[in-house]
């Protein structure tokens, strides 16, 4: 049974979402604020987090920032903050998805299943399968990157973007193609979010992110991974 941590300061919201997901076969944990959420993550290691933004003690953005320092647990931000700047901020901090209140419970369930399916497929992949480009090796089972003999942790979105760039190394990959790949895997695929994830990838793999030597921007087209 997969465990989902619901983080929201409103008991009624936690109960509504919790009751629905329990009926779908998930085990539910609840936290009323950000501090409680981080404690439960440390103690219980949930499989997925549904994270509100506007909360006392620590808001959702603060929780996201602290969480990503040591964990890649799939996290969906669930909030009434609907401005583009709010959504972009969530992804900048490492959120895997973002759903705006009010929402259909069926839509939430589909997003939860999509995130957990990504985790499930990691154990089903061919353990010998990997992509190698120069000193970069991407393990398609564990979805981890090895660069210059050092392991690099990737979020799910970063993995999908890098996989596509590596499969097309030396060739420009359009933003539209990257967008379709993300949408097909259950993620938001807007141009702004792609830019954010490319930025984070560069921060992780480039010796000098401001002057990228691996992931090049091809103006008017998209991005290219140097072969």
Protein backbone atom coordinates (compact mmCIF):
# COMPACT_ATOMS: atom_id res chain seq x y z
CA UNK A 1 0.00 0.00 0.00
CA UNK A 2 1.42 3.38 -1.03
CA UNK A 3 1.47 6.14 1.58
CA UNK A 4 0.43 9.71 0.80
CA UNK A 5 1.14 12.63 3.12
CA UNK A 6 -1.51 15.38 2.95
CA UNK A 7 -0.24 18.72 4.21
CA UNK A 8 -2.92 21.38 4.72
CA UNK A 9 -3.85 23.63 7.66
CA UNK A 10 -7.59 23.07 7.07
CA UNK A 11 -8.87 19.83 8.70
CA UNK A 12 -11.84 19.68 6.35
CA UNK A 13 -9.60 19.69 3.29
CA UNK A 14 -7.36 16.99 4.74
CA UNK A 15 -10.36 14.82 5.56
CA UNK A 16 -11.99 15.29 2.15
CA UNK A 17 -8.85 14.38 0.22
CA UNK A 18 -7.85 11.69 2.70
CA UNK A 19 -11.22 9.94 2.62
CA UNK A 20 -11.25 9.94 -1.19
CA UNK A 21 -7.72 8.60 -1.56
CA UNK A 22 -8.28 6.01 1.19
CA UNK A 23 -11.17 4.64 -0.86
CA UNK A 24 -8.72 4.28 -3.75
CA UNK A 25 -6.46 2.06 -1.65
CA UNK A 26 -3.88 4.54 -0.35
CA UNK A 27 -2.64 4.87 3.21
CA UNK A 28 -2.96 8.45 4.45
CA UNK A 29 -0.81 10.60 6.71
CA UNK A 30 -1.83 14.14 7.68
CA UNK A 31 0.07 17.26 8.71
CA UNK A 32 -1.51 20.58 9.71
CA UNK A 33 1.55 22.72 8.97
CA UNK A 34 4.96 22.64 7.36
CA UNK A 35 6.89 21.75 10.49
CA UNK A 36 4.70 18.69 11.12
CA UNK A 37 5.11 17.70 7.48
CA UNK A 38 8.91 17.68 7.63
CA UNK A 39 8.82 15.62 10.82
CA UNK A 40 6.52 13.04 9.21
CA UNK A 41 8.69 12.86 6.11
CA UNK A 42 11.66 12.03 8.32
CA UNK A 43 9.76 9.47 10.42
CA UNK A 44 7.43 7.78 7.90
CA UNK A 45 9.02 8.29 4.46
CA UNK A 46 5.76 8.67 2.48
CA UNK A 47 5.64 7.71 -1.20
CA UNK A 48 4.10 11.02 -2.26
CA UNK A 49 3.27 14.42 -0.72
CA UNK A 50 0.28 16.68 -1.42
CA UNK A 51 1.44 20.08 -0.22
CA UNK A 52 -0.61 23.22 0.44
CA UNK A 53 1.13 26.60 0.20
CA UNK A 54 -0.55 28.98 2.64
CA UNK A 55 0.08 27.47 6.09
CA UNK A 56 1.34 28.63 9.51
CA UNK A 57 4.89 28.06 10.83
CA UNK A 58 6.32 27.03 7.47
CA UNK A 59 4.47 27.65 4.22
CA UNK A 60 4.52 25.21 1.33
CA UNK A 61 7.32 26.99 -0.49
CA UNK A 62 9.54 26.84 2.60
CA UNK A 63 8.73 23.15 3.06
CA UNK A 64 9.55 22.48 -0.61
CA UNK A 65 12.91 24.22 -0.31
CA UNK A 66 13.87 22.29 2.82
CA UNK A 67 12.57 18.98 1.44
CA UNK A 68 14.60 19.16 -1.76
CA UNK A 69 17.84 19.54 0.18
CA UNK A 70 17.69 15.85 1.14
CA UNK A 71 14.76 14.15 -0.58
CA UNK A 72 13.27 13.59 -4.05
CA UNK A 73 9.90 12.31 -2.77
CA UNK A 74 7.32 13.12 -5.50
CA UNK A 75 5.49 16.26 -4.39
CA UNK A 76 2.34 17.86 -5.83
CA UNK A 77 1.55 21.37 -4.66
CA UNK A 78 -2.20 21.71 -4.00
CA UNK A 79 -3.15 25.34 -3.49
CA UNK A 80 -5.50 28.21 -4.28
CA UNK A 81 -2.57 30.32 -5.52
CA UNK A 82 -3.14 30.35 -9.26
CA UNK A 83 -0.96 33.16 -10.61
CA UNK A 84 1.72 32.12 -13.09
CA UNK A 85 4.40 33.50 -10.75
CA UNK A 86 3.15 31.21 -7.96
CA UNK A 87 3.21 28.14 -10.22
CA UNK A 88 6.66 28.99 -11.54
CA UNK A 89 7.95 29.44 -7.99
CA UNK A 90 6.67 25.99 -7.02
CA UNK A 91 8.53 24.35 -9.90
CA UNK A 92 11.65 26.41 -9.23
CA UNK A 93 11.75 24.96 -5.72
CA UNK A 94 11.46 21.40 -7.04
CA UNK A 95 7.75 20.53 -7.08
CA UNK A 96 6.84 17.69 -9.46
CA UNK A 97 3.34 18.97 -10.21
CA UNK A 98 0.95 21.79 -9.28
CA UNK A 99 -2.83 21.63 -9.02
CA UNK A 100 -5.02 24.66 -8.27
CA UNK A 101 -8.00 24.63 -5.87
CA UNK A 102 -10.83 24.04 -6.48
CA UNK A 103 -10.18 20.88 -8.47
CA UNK A 104 -11.95 17.69 -9.42
CA UNK A 105 -11.04 14.78 -7.15
CA UNK A 106 -10.71 12.57 -10.22
CA UNK A 107 -8.09 14.95 -11.63
CA UNK A 108 -6.14 14.81 -8.37
CA UNK A 109 -6.28 11.02 -8.41
CA UNK A 110 -4.97 10.90 -11.98
CA UNK A 111 -2.04 13.14 -11.06
CA UNK A 112 -1.26 11.05 -7.98
CA UNK A 113 -1.32 7.86 -10.04
CA UNK A 114 0.90 9.42 -12.70
CA UNK A 115 3.53 10.43 -10.14
CA UNK A 116 3.51 7.04 -8.44
CA UNK A 117 3.59 5.24 -11.79
CA UNK A 118 6.89 6.96 -12.51
CA UNK A 119 8.27 5.43 -9.32
CA UNK A 120 6.84 2.00 -10.16
CA UNK A 121 8.43 1.89 -13.61
CA UNK A 122 11.86 2.37 -12.09
CA UNK A 123 11.70 -1.18 -10.69
CA UNK A 124 10.44 -2.62 -13.99
CA UNK A 125 13.14 -1.24 -16.28
CA UNK A 126 15.95 -3.34 -17.70
CA UNK A 127 18.73 -2.99 -15.11
CA UNK A 128 21.38 -3.06 -17.84
CA UNK A 129 19.78 -0.27 -19.84
CA UNK A 130 21.52 3.08 -19.79
CA UNK A 131 22.44 6.01 -21.99
CA UNK A 132 26.05 7.14 -22.31
CA UNK A 133 27.19 10.45 -23.75
CA UNK A 134 30.81 11.37 -23.10
CA UNK A 135 31.39 11.29 -19.36
CA UNK A 136 27.65 11.29 -18.71
CA UNK A 137 25.78 8.04 -17.99
CA UNK A 138 22.03 7.88 -17.31
CA UNK A 139 20.73 4.73 -15.60
CA UNK A 140 17.22 4.10 -16.95
CA UNK A 141 16.30 1.87 -14.01
CA UNK A 142 17.25 4.05 -11.08
CA UNK A 143 16.89 7.28 -13.07
CA UNK A 144 20.16 8.53 -11.69
CA UNK A 145 22.87 10.33 -13.56
CA UNK A 146 26.59 9.69 -13.23
CA UNK A 147 28.83 12.51 -14.39
CA UNK A 148 32.61 12.37 -14.08
CA UNK A 149 32.21 9.30 -11.83
CA UNK A 150 29.93 11.21 -9.42
CA UNK A 151 26.24 10.51 -8.86
CA UNK A 152 23.78 13.34 -9.58
CA UNK A 153 20.22 13.19 -8.19
CA UNK A 154 17.50 14.19 -10.63
CA UNK A 155 13.83 15.02 -10.20
CA UNK A 156 11.38 13.10 -12.40
CA UNK A 157 10.98 16.03 -14.78
CA UNK A 158 14.73 16.58 -15.03
CA UNK A 159 15.16 12.90 -15.81
CA UNK A 160 12.69 12.99 -18.72
CA UNK A 161 14.25 16.13 -20.19
CA UNK A 162 17.79 14.81 -19.89
CA UNK A 163 16.82 11.40 -21.28
CA UNK A 164 15.41 13.04 -24.40
CA UNK A 165 18.45 15.28 -24.81
CA UNK A 166 20.80 12.31 -24.40
CA UNK A 167 18.87 10.19 -26.90
CA UNK A 168 19.28 13.05 -29.38
CA UNK A 169 22.80 14.13 -28.40
CA UNK A 170 24.31 16.54 -30.90
CA UNK A 171 20.89 17.44 -32.31
CA UNK A 172 18.66 20.32 -31.26
CA UNK A 173 15.49 19.20 -29.46
CA UNK A 174 12.63 21.67 -29.84
CA UNK A 175 10.77 23.08 -26.88
CA UNK A 176 7.59 21.65 -28.39
CA UNK A 177 9.07 18.14 -28.37
CA UNK A 178 10.17 18.51 -24.77
CA UNK A 179 6.72 19.85 -23.87
CA UNK A 180 5.01 16.83 -25.46
CA UNK A 181 7.33 14.46 -23.60
CA UNK A 182 6.49 16.06 -20.26
CA UNK A 183 2.75 16.13 -20.94
CA UNK A 184 2.77 12.47 -22.02
CA UNK A 185 4.38 11.60 -18.69
CA UNK A 186 1.82 13.55 -16.69
CA UNK A 187 3.74 16.78 -16.11
CA UNK A 188 3.07 20.41 -16.99
CA UNK A 189 4.86 21.14 -20.25
CA UNK A 190 4.71 24.92 -20.65
CA UNK A 191 7.71 26.77 -22.06
CA UNK A 192 8.27 28.58 -18.76
CA UNK A 193 8.44 25.35 -16.77
CA UNK A 194 10.85 23.82 -19.30
CA UNK A 195 13.15 26.82 -18.88
CA UNK A 196 13.06 26.35 -15.11
CA UNK A 197 13.95 22.66 -15.31
CA UNK A 198 16.75 23.31 -17.81
CA UNK A 199 18.08 25.92 -15.38
CA UNK A 200 18.06 23.38 -12.54
CA UNK A 201 19.72 20.74 -14.71
CA UNK A 202 22.49 23.16 -15.55
CA UNK A 203 22.98 23.98 -11.89
CA UNK A 204 23.51 20.28 -11.25
CA UNK A 205 25.76 19.30 -14.15
CA UNK A 206 27.50 22.36 -15.55
CA UNK A 207 30.94 23.41 -14.21
CA UNK A 208 29.85 27.02 -14.87
CA UNK A 209 26.04 27.14 -15.23
CA UNK A 210 26.07 30.69 -16.62
CA UNK A 211 28.24 29.44 -19.49
CA UNK A 212 26.87 25.95 -20.16
CA UNK A 213 29.20 23.46 -21.77
CA UNK A 214 26.79 20.48 -21.83
CA UNK A 215 23.26 21.76 -22.50
CA UNK A 216 23.32 24.44 -25.18
CA UNK A 217 20.48 26.79 -26.01
CA UNK A 218 19.72 26.74 -29.73
CA UNK A 219 18.02 30.06 -30.28
CA UNK A 220 14.68 29.82 -32.03
CA UNK A 221 14.60 26.04 -31.67
CA UNK A 222 15.26 24.57 -28.23
CA UNK A 223 18.17 22.81 -26.54
CA UNK A 224 21.02 20.53 -27.57
CA UNK A 225 23.23 18.23 -25.53
CA UNK A 226 26.78 18.29 -26.84
CA UNK A 227 27.71 14.90 -28.26
